[in-house]
Amino acid sequence: MAKIEIYSSPFCGFCHRAKSLLQSKNAEFEDIDVMMDRVRKAEMMERADGRTSVPQIFIDGEHVGGCDELFALESAGKLDPMLESDS
């Protein structure tokens, strides 16, 4: 199973949507709360090419973007193969 990391905050609707999609696929992920953690937020921004919005999602170290990009991968049939990869 792929290693999934989601930088998020607790009150973000887009974060909840993205996590719900992954949960519906029984995909395990690391949820990294950046709301009050400046160090992790800076880490997210560095990994996500300066993006400051949440969620920022990484699958096997590859930045896939936010909620909209995750759902676009799903619509295109590309998400399942990414989730099934062996990391």
PDB file of N, CA and C in Angstrom:
ATOM      1  N   MET A   1       0.832  -1.175   0.000  1.00  0.00           N
ATOM      2  CA  MET A   1       0.000   0.000   0.000  1.00  0.00           C
ATOM      3  C   MET A   1       0.883   1.248   0.000  1.00  0.00           C
ATOM      4  N   ALA A   2       0.439   2.263  -0.662  1.00  0.00           N
ATOM      5  CA  ALA A   2       1.198   3.504  -0.783  1.00  0.00           C
ATOM      6  C   ALA A   2       1.264   4.238   0.553  1.00  0.00           C
ATOM      7  N   LYS A   3       2.322   5.018   0.727  1.00  0.00           N
ATOM      8  CA  LYS A   3       2.445   5.891   1.897  1.00  0.00           C
ATOM      9  C   LYS A   3       1.762   7.211   1.554  1.00  0.00           C
ATOM     10  N   ILE A   4       0.736   7.569   2.333  1.00  0.00           N
ATOM     11  CA  ILE A   4      -0.035   8.776   2.077  1.00  0.00           C
ATOM     12  C   ILE A   4       0.124   9.722   3.260  1.00  0.00           C
ATOM     13  N   GLU A   5       0.438  10.988   2.944  1.00  0.00           N
ATOM     14  CA  GLU A   5       0.548  12.021   3.960  1.00  0.00           C
ATOM     15  C   GLU A   5      -0.376  13.169   3.573  1.00  0.00           C
ATOM     16  N   ILE A   6      -1.145  13.653   4.551  1.00  0.00           N
ATOM     17  CA  ILE A   6      -2.046  14.776   4.311  1.00  0.00           C
ATOM     18  C   ILE A   6      -1.757  15.852   5.352  1.00  0.00           C
ATOM     19  N   TYR A   7      -1.323  16.996   4.872  1.00  0.00           N
ATOM     20  CA  TYR A   7      -1.176  18.159   5.735  1.00  0.00           C
ATOM     21  C   TYR A   7      -2.540  18.832   5.776  1.00  0.00           C
ATOM     22  N   SER A   8      -3.093  19.014   6.989  1.00  0.00           N
ATOM     23  CA  SER A   8      -4.456  19.497   7.104  1.00  0.00           C
ATOM     24  C   SER A   8      -4.632  20.354   8.352  1.00  0.00           C
ATOM     25  N   SER A   9      -5.856  20.852   8.515  1.00  0.00           N
ATOM     26  CA  SER A   9      -6.248  21.498   9.759  1.00  0.00           C
ATOM     27  C   SER A   9      -7.638  20.985  10.124  1.00  0.00           C
ATOM     28  N   PRO A  10      -7.978  20.986  11.419  1.00  0.00           N
ATOM     29  CA  PRO A  10      -9.193  20.333  11.872  1.00  0.00           C
ATOM     30  C   PRO A  10     -10.500  20.939  11.349  1.00  0.00           C
ATOM     31  N   PHE A  11     -10.526  22.208  11.031  1.00  0.00           N
ATOM     32  CA  PHE A  11     -11.774  22.866  10.643  1.00  0.00           C
ATOM     33  C   PHE A  11     -11.899  23.098   9.141  1.00  0.00           C
ATOM     34  N   CYS A  12     -11.135  22.354   8.366  1.00  0.00           N
ATOM     35  CA  CYS A  12     -11.086  22.540   6.916  1.00  0.00           C
ATOM     36  C   CYS A  12     -12.007  21.531   6.227  1.00  0.00           C
ATOM     37  N   GLY A  13     -13.034  22.044   5.553  1.00  0.00           N
ATOM     38  CA  GLY A  13     -13.963  21.177   4.842  1.00  0.00           C
ATOM     39  C   GLY A  13     -13.317  20.398   3.711  1.00  0.00           C
ATOM     40  N   PHE A  14     -12.391  21.032   2.988  1.00  0.00           N
ATOM     41  CA  PHE A  14     -11.691  20.339   1.904  1.00  0.00           C
ATOM     42  C   PHE A  14     -10.834  19.193   2.456  1.00  0.00           C
ATOM     43  N   CYS A  15     -10.249  19.414   3.630  1.00  0.00           N
ATOM     44  CA  CYS A  15      -9.455  18.355   4.268  1.00  0.00           C
ATOM     45  C   CYS A  15     -10.339  17.159   4.591  1.00  0.00           C
ATOM     46  N   HIS A  16     -11.515  17.430   5.147  1.00  0.00           N
ATOM     47  CA  HIS A  16     -12.444  16.351   5.495  1.00  0.00           C
ATOM     48  C   HIS A  16     -12.896  15.596   4.246  1.00  0.00           C
ATOM     49  N   ARG A  17     -13.161  16.309   3.162  1.00  0.00           N
ATOM     50  CA  ARG A  17     -13.572  15.650   1.911  1.00  0.00           C
ATOM     51  C   ARG A  17     -12.478  14.723   1.394  1.00  0.00           C
ATOM     52  N   ALA A  18     -11.236  15.233   1.387  1.00  0.00           N
ATOM     53  CA  ALA A  18     -10.111  14.434   0.892  1.00  0.00           C
ATOM     54  C   ALA A  18      -9.911  13.192   1.757  1.00  0.00           C
ATOM     55  N   LYS A  19      -9.959  13.370   3.075  1.00  0.00           N
ATOM     56  CA  LYS A  19      -9.770  12.225   3.972  1.00  0.00           C
ATOM     57  C   LYS A  19     -10.922  11.232   3.833  1.00  0.00           C
ATOM     58  N   SER A  20     -12.142  11.727   3.637  1.00  0.00           N
ATOM     59  CA  SER A  20     -13.297  10.835   3.454  1.00  0.00           C
ATOM     60  C   SER A  20     -13.146   9.980   2.198  1.00  0.00           C
ATOM     61  N   LEU A  21     -12.650  10.592   1.115  1.00  0.00           N
ATOM     62  CA  LEU A  21     -12.427   9.827  -0.111  1.00  0.00           C
ATOM     63  C   LEU A  21     -11.420   8.715   0.137  1.00  0.00           C
ATOM     64  N   LEU A  22     -10.328   9.047   0.797  1.00  0.00           N
ATOM     65  CA  LEU A  22      -9.304   8.031   1.066  1.00  0.00           C
ATOM     66  C   LEU A  22      -9.828   6.957   2.009  1.00  0.00           C
ATOM     67  N   GLN A  23     -10.605   7.348   3.017  1.00  0.00           N
ATOM     68  CA  GLN A  23     -11.169   6.374   3.944  1.00  0.00           C
ATOM     69  C   GLN A  23     -12.139   5.442   3.230  1.00  0.00           C
ATOM     70  N   SER A  24     -12.886   5.973   2.257  1.00  0.00           N
ATOM     71  CA  SER A  24     -13.829   5.138   1.513  1.00  0.00           C
ATOM     72  C   SER A  24     -13.098   4.063   0.706  1.00  0.00           C
ATOM     73  N   LYS A  25     -11.817   4.289   0.457  1.00  0.00           N
ATOM     74  CA  LYS A  25     -10.985   3.331  -0.269  1.00  0.00           C
ATOM     75  C   LYS A  25     -10.129   2.495   0.680  1.00  0.00           C
ATOM     76  N   ASN A  26     -10.401   2.623   1.977  1.00  0.00           N
ATOM     77  CA  ASN A  26      -9.644   1.913   3.014  1.00  0.00           C
ATOM     78  C   ASN A  26      -8.153   2.199   2.943  1.00  0.00           C
ATOM     79  N   ALA A  27      -7.818   3.409   2.525  1.00  0.00           N
ATOM     80  CA  ALA A  27      -6.413   3.810   2.431  1.00  0.00           C
ATOM     81  C   ALA A  27      -5.989   4.439   3.760  1.00  0.00           C
ATOM     82  N   GLU A  28      -4.901   3.933   4.309  1.00  0.00           N
ATOM     83  CA  GLU A  28      -4.365   4.514   5.534  1.00  0.00           C
ATOM     84  C   GLU A  28      -3.512   5.714   5.168  1.00  0.00           C
ATOM     85  N   PHE A  29      -3.558   6.746   6.018  1.00  0.00           N
ATOM     86  CA  PHE A  29      -2.772   7.942   5.761  1.00  0.00           C
ATOM     87  C   PHE A  29      -2.330   8.579   7.070  1.00  0.00           C
ATOM     88  N   GLU A  30      -1.242   9.325   6.976  1.00  0.00           N
ATOM     89  CA  GLU A  30      -0.761  10.108   8.103  1.00  0.00           C
ATOM     90  C   GLU A  30      -1.377  11.486   7.991  1.00  0.00           C
ATOM     91  N   ASP A  31      -2.114  11.892   9.005  1.00  0.00           N
ATOM     92  CA  ASP A  31      -2.761  13.200   9.045  1.00  0.00           C
ATOM     93  C   ASP A  31      -1.876  14.144   9.851  1.00  0.00           C
ATOM     94  N   ILE A  32      -1.325  15.147   9.193  1.00  0.00           N
ATOM     95  CA  ILE A  32      -0.396  16.073   9.828  1.00  0.00           C
ATOM     96  C   ILE A  32      -1.109  17.410  10.019  1.00  0.00           C
ATOM     97  N   ASP A  33      -1.464  17.719  11.264  1.00  0.00           N
ATOM     98  CA  ASP A  33      -2.198  18.937  11.605  1.00  0.00           C
ATOM     99  C   ASP A  33      -1.216  20.115  11.631  1.00  0.00           C
ATOM    100  N   VAL A  34      -1.420  21.072  10.729  1.00  0.00           N
ATOM    101  CA  VAL A  34      -0.516  22.219  10.641  1.00  0.00           C
ATOM    102  C   VAL A  34      -1.111  23.499  11.233  1.00  0.00           C
ATOM    103  N   MET A  35      -2.320  23.417  11.783  1.00  0.00           N
ATOM    104  CA  MET A  35      -3.009  24.617  12.243  1.00  0.00           C
ATOM    105  C   MET A  35      -2.196  25.396  13.279  1.00  0.00           C
ATOM    106  N   MET A  36      -1.644  24.732  14.254  1.00  0.00           N
ATOM    107  CA  MET A  36      -0.902  25.406  15.323  1.00  0.00           C
ATOM    108  C   MET A  36       0.578  25.035  15.343  1.00  0.00           C
ATOM    109  N   ASP A  37       1.044  24.361  14.305  1.00  0.00           N
ATOM    110  CA  ASP A  37       2.420  23.867  14.283  1.00  0.00           C
ATOM    111  C   ASP A  37       3.188  24.544  13.143  1.00  0.00           C
ATOM    112  N   ARG A  38       3.903  25.592  13.474  1.00  0.00           N
ATOM    113  CA  ARG A  38       4.641  26.366  12.460  1.00  0.00           C
ATOM    114  C   ARG A  38       5.702  25.539  11.750  1.00  0.00           C
ATOM    115  N   VAL A  39       6.337  24.643  12.488  1.00  0.00           N
ATOM    116  CA  VAL A  39       7.402  23.820  11.898  1.00  0.00           C
ATOM    117  C   VAL A  39       6.822  22.904  10.825  1.00  0.00           C
ATOM    118  N   ARG A  40       5.721  22.221  11.146  1.00  0.00           N
ATOM    119  CA  ARG A  40       5.113  21.326  10.167  1.00  0.00           C
ATOM    120  C   ARG A  40       4.510  22.109   8.997  1.00  0.00           C
ATOM    121  N   LYS A  41       3.974  23.317   9.270  1.00  0.00           N
ATOM    122  CA  LYS A  41       3.430  24.157   8.184  1.00  0.00           C
ATOM    123  C   LYS A  41       4.565  24.564   7.237  1.00  0.00           C
ATOM    124  N   ALA A  42       5.713  24.952   7.796  1.00  0.00           N
ATOM    125  CA  ALA A  42       6.865  25.304   6.963  1.00  0.00           C
ATOM    126  C   ALA A  42       7.329  24.096   6.151  1.00  0.00           C
ATOM    127  N   GLU A  43       7.323  22.926   6.768  1.00  0.00           N
ATOM    128  CA  GLU A  43       7.682  21.691   6.069  1.00  0.00           C
ATOM    129  C   GLU A  43       6.728  21.459   4.897  1.00  0.00           C
ATOM    130  N   MET A  44       5.431  21.633   5.145  1.00  0.00           N
ATOM    131  CA  MET A  44       4.432  21.455   4.087  1.00  0.00           C
ATOM    132  C   MET A  44       4.691  22.429   2.942  1.00  0.00           C
ATOM    133  N   MET A  45       4.922  23.689   3.273  1.00  0.00           N
ATOM    134  CA  MET A  45       5.143  24.702   2.240  1.00  0.00           C
ATOM    135  C   MET A  45       6.375  24.382   1.407  1.00  0.00           C
ATOM    136  N   GLU A  46       7.419  23.914   2.047  1.00  0.00           N
ATOM    137  CA  GLU A  46       8.642  23.563   1.314  1.00  0.00           C
ATOM    138  C   GLU A  46       8.378  22.386   0.370  1.00  0.00           C
ATOM    139  N   ARG A  47       7.698  21.377   0.861  1.00  0.00           N
ATOM    140  CA  ARG A  47       7.424  20.190   0.043  1.00  0.00           C
ATOM    141  C   ARG A  47       6.419  20.480  -1.061  1.00  0.00           C
ATOM    142  N   ALA A  48       5.509  21.452  -0.829  1.00  0.00           N
ATOM    143  CA  ALA A  48       4.432  21.735  -1.786  1.00  0.00           C
ATOM    144  C   ALA A  48       4.714  22.973  -2.633  1.00  0.00           C
ATOM    145  N   ASP A  49       5.977  23.261  -2.849  1.00  0.00           N
ATOM    146  CA  ASP A  49       6.386  24.382  -3.707  1.00  0.00           C
ATOM    147  C   ASP A  49       5.756  25.706  -3.297  1.00  0.00           C
ATOM    148  N   GLY A  50       5.729  25.970  -1.987  1.00  0.00           N
ATOM    149  CA  GLY A  50       5.268  27.252  -1.475  1.00  0.00           C
ATOM    150  C   GLY A  50       3.775  27.359  -1.233  1.00  0.00           C
ATOM    151  N   ARG A  51       3.024  26.339  -1.549  1.00  0.00           N
ATOM    152  CA  ARG A  51       1.573  26.400  -1.318  1.00  0.00           C
ATOM    153  C   ARG A  51       1.294  26.460   0.182  1.00  0.00           C
ATOM    154  N   THR A  52       0.340  27.302   0.556  1.00  0.00           N
ATOM    155  CA  THR A  52       0.030  27.504   1.969  1.00  0.00           C
ATOM    156  C   THR A  52      -1.335  26.957   2.368  1.00  0.00           C
ATOM    157  N   SER A  53      -2.161  26.599   1.394  1.00  0.00           N
ATOM    158  CA  SER A  53      -3.505  26.124   1.707  1.00  0.00           C
ATOM    159  C   SER A  53      -3.486  24.639   2.061  1.00  0.00           C
ATOM    160  N   VAL A  54      -4.493  24.218   2.801  1.00  0.00           N
ATOM    161  CA  VAL A  54      -4.643  22.810   3.134  1.00  0.00           C
ATOM    162  C   VAL A  54      -5.928  22.301   2.505  1.00  0.00           C
ATOM    163  N   PRO A  55      -5.961  21.023   2.176  1.00  0.00           N
ATOM    164  CA  PRO A  55      -4.920  20.035   2.407  1.00  0.00           C
ATOM    165  C   PRO A  55      -3.849  20.066   1.317  1.00  0.00           C
ATOM    166  N   GLN A  56      -2.693  19.579   1.665  1.00  0.00           N
ATOM    167  CA  GLN A  56      -1.654  19.262   0.698  1.00  0.00           C
ATOM    168  C   GLN A  56      -1.386  17.777   0.863  1.00  0.00           C
ATOM    169  N   ILE A  57      -1.493  17.044  -0.226  1.00  0.00           N
ATOM    170  CA  ILE A  57      -1.497  15.583  -0.177  1.00  0.00           C
ATOM    171  C   ILE A  57      -0.301  15.026  -0.941  1.00  0.00           C
ATOM    172  N   PHE A  58       0.344  14.052  -0.316  1.00  0.00           N
ATOM    173  CA  PHE A  58       1.498  13.376  -0.911  1.00  0.00           C
ATOM    174  C   PHE A  58       1.244  11.878  -0.911  1.00  0.00           C
ATOM    175  N   ILE A  59       1.492  11.251  -2.045  1.00  0.00           N
ATOM    176  CA  ILE A  59       1.384   9.798  -2.163  1.00  0.00           C
ATOM    177  C   ILE A  59       2.744   9.272  -2.585  1.00  0.00           C
ATOM    178  N   ASP A  60       3.321   8.442  -1.730  1.00  0.00           N
ATOM    179  CA  ASP A  60       4.686   7.929  -1.945  1.00  0.00           C
ATOM    180  C   ASP A  60       5.674   9.066  -2.216  1.00  0.00           C
ATOM    181  N   GLY A  61       5.533  10.145  -1.473  1.00  0.00           N
ATOM    182  CA  GLY A  61       6.445  11.274  -1.580  1.00  0.00           C
ATOM    183  C   GLY A  61       6.156  12.222  -2.719  1.00  0.00           C
ATOM    184  N   GLU A  62       5.228  11.865  -3.602  1.00  0.00           N
ATOM    185  CA  GLU A  62       4.883  12.722  -4.743  1.00  0.00           C
ATOM    186  C   GLU A  62       3.747  13.658  -4.359  1.00  0.00           C
ATOM    187  N   HIS A  63       3.953  14.930  -4.581  1.00  0.00           N
ATOM    188  CA  HIS A  63       2.916  15.920  -4.280  1.00  0.00           C
ATOM    189  C   HIS A  63       1.817  15.816  -5.322  1.00  0.00           C
ATOM    190  N   VAL A  64       0.605  15.485  -4.876  1.00  0.00           N
ATOM    191  CA  VAL A  64      -0.513  15.394  -5.816  1.00  0.00           C
ATOM    192  C   VAL A  64      -1.399  16.630  -5.764  1.00  0.00           C
ATOM    193  N   GLY A  65      -1.191  17.497  -4.778  1.00  0.00           N
ATOM    194  CA  GLY A  65      -1.969  18.730  -4.679  1.00  0.00           C
ATOM    195  C   GLY A  65      -2.941  18.684  -3.524  1.00  0.00           C
ATOM    196  N   GLY A  66      -4.088  19.334  -3.734  1.00  0.00           N
ATOM    197  CA  GLY A  66      -5.097  19.433  -2.694  1.00  0.00           C
ATOM    198  C   GLY A  66      -6.297  18.544  -2.972  1.00  0.00           C
ATOM    199  N   CYS A  67      -7.409  18.908  -2.375  1.00  0.00           N
ATOM    200  CA  CYS A  67      -8.638  18.126  -2.496  1.00  0.00           C
ATOM    201  C   CYS A  67      -9.108  18.024  -3.943  1.00  0.00           C
ATOM    202  N   ASP A  68      -9.144  19.145  -4.646  1.00  0.00           N
ATOM    203  CA  ASP A  68      -9.613  19.123  -6.040  1.00  0.00           C
ATOM    204  C   ASP A  68      -8.765  18.208  -6.909  1.00  0.00           C
ATOM    205  N   GLU A  69      -7.460  18.253  -6.717  1.00  0.00           N
ATOM    206  CA  GLU A  69      -6.568  17.404  -7.506  1.00  0.00           C
ATOM    207  C   GLU A  69      -6.763  15.925  -7.159  1.00  0.00           C
ATOM    208  N   LEU A  70      -7.011  15.639  -5.877  1.00  0.00           N
ATOM    209  CA  LEU A  70      -7.256  14.256  -5.474  1.00  0.00           C
ATOM    210  C   LEU A  70      -8.521  13.722  -6.140  1.00  0.00           C
ATOM    211  N   PHE A  71      -9.580  14.537  -6.139  1.00  0.00           N
ATOM    212  CA  PHE A  71     -10.825  14.107  -6.782  1.00  0.00           C
ATOM    213  C   PHE A  71     -10.675  14.013  -8.303  1.00  0.00           C
ATOM    214  N   ALA A  72      -9.828  14.855  -8.881  1.00  0.00           N
ATOM    215  CA  ALA A  72      -9.566  14.764 -10.323  1.00  0.00           C
ATOM    216  C   ALA A  72      -8.867  13.447 -10.653  1.00  0.00           C
ATOM    217  N   LEU A  73      -7.922  13.040  -9.812  1.00  0.00           N
ATOM    218  CA  LEU A  73      -7.264  11.744 -10.006  1.00  0.00           C
ATOM    219  C   LEU A  73      -8.288  10.620  -9.924  1.00  0.00           C
ATOM    220  N   GLU A  74      -9.206  10.721  -8.982  1.00  0.00           N
ATOM    221  CA  GLU A  74     -10.251   9.709  -8.830  1.00  0.00           C
ATOM    222  C   GLU A  74     -11.130   9.662 -10.076  1.00  0.00           C
ATOM    223  N   SER A  75     -11.557  10.823 -10.557  1.00  0.00           N
ATOM    224  CA  SER A  75     -12.426  10.884 -11.745  1.00  0.00           C
ATOM    225  C   SER A  75     -11.741  10.326 -12.980  1.00  0.00           C
ATOM    226  N   ALA A  76     -10.425  10.515 -13.065  1.00  0.00           N
ATOM    227  CA  ALA A  76      -9.664  10.043 -14.225  1.00  0.00           C
ATOM    228  C   ALA A  76      -9.265   8.566 -14.100  1.00  0.00           C
ATOM    229  N   GLY A  77      -9.617   7.942 -12.969  1.00  0.00           N
ATOM    230  CA  GLY A  77      -9.246   6.538 -12.773  1.00  0.00           C
ATOM    231  C   GLY A  77      -7.788   6.331 -12.423  1.00  0.00           C
ATOM    232  N   LYS A  78      -7.121   7.391 -11.991  1.00  0.00           N
ATOM    233  CA  LYS A  78      -5.689   7.302 -11.697  1.00  0.00           C
ATOM    234  C   LYS A  78      -5.370   7.133 -10.214  1.00  0.00           C
ATOM    235  N   LEU A  79      -6.363   7.367  -9.356  1.00  0.00           N
ATOM    236  CA  LEU A  79      -6.082   7.319  -7.914  1.00  0.00           C
ATOM    237  C   LEU A  79      -5.848   5.895  -7.420  1.00  0.00           C
ATOM    238  N   ASP A  80      -6.708   4.966  -7.788  1.00  0.00           N
ATOM    239  CA  ASP A  80      -6.567   3.593  -7.299  1.00  0.00           C
ATOM    240  C   ASP A  80      -5.195   2.994  -7.596  1.00  0.00           C
ATOM    241  N   PRO A  81      -4.681   3.123  -8.832  1.00  0.00           N
ATOM    242  CA  PRO A  81      -3.330   2.579  -9.066  1.00  0.00           C
ATOM    243  C   PRO A  81      -2.252   3.234  -8.186  1.00  0.00           C
ATOM    244  N   MET A  82      -2.414   4.516  -7.911  1.00  0.00           N
ATOM    245  CA  MET A  82      -1.433   5.191  -7.037  1.00  0.00           C
ATOM    246  C   MET A  82      -1.522   4.645  -5.612  1.00  0.00           C
ATOM    247  N   LEU A  83      -2.732   4.382  -5.148  1.00  0.00           N
ATOM    248  CA  LEU A  83      -2.923   3.885  -3.783  1.00  0.00           C
ATOM    249  C   LEU A  83      -2.442   2.452  -3.634  1.00  0.00           C
ATOM    250  N   GLU A  84      -2.478   1.684  -4.716  1.00  0.00           N
ATOM    251  CA  GLU A  84      -2.087   0.284  -4.653  1.00  0.00           C
ATOM    252  C   GLU A  84      -0.593   0.063  -4.809  1.00  0.00           C
ATOM    253  N   SER A  85       0.145   1.105  -5.130  1.00  0.00           N
ATOM    254  CA  SER A  85       1.590   0.929  -5.347  1.00  0.00           C
ATOM    255  C   SER A  85       2.273   0.488  -4.060  1.00  0.00           C
ATOM    256  N   ASP A  86       3.341  -0.263  -4.216  1.00  0.00           N
ATOM    257  CA  ASP A  86       4.150  -0.676  -3.082  1.00  0.00           C
ATOM    258  C   ASP A  86       5.233   0.350  -2.862  1.00  0.00           C
ATOM    259  N   SER A  87       5.232   0.938  -1.652  1.00  0.00           N
ATOM    260  CA  SER A  87       6.250   1.959  -1.370  1.00  0.00           C
ATOM    261  C   SER A  87       7.479   1.346  -0.768  1.00  0.00           C
TER     262      SER A  87
END
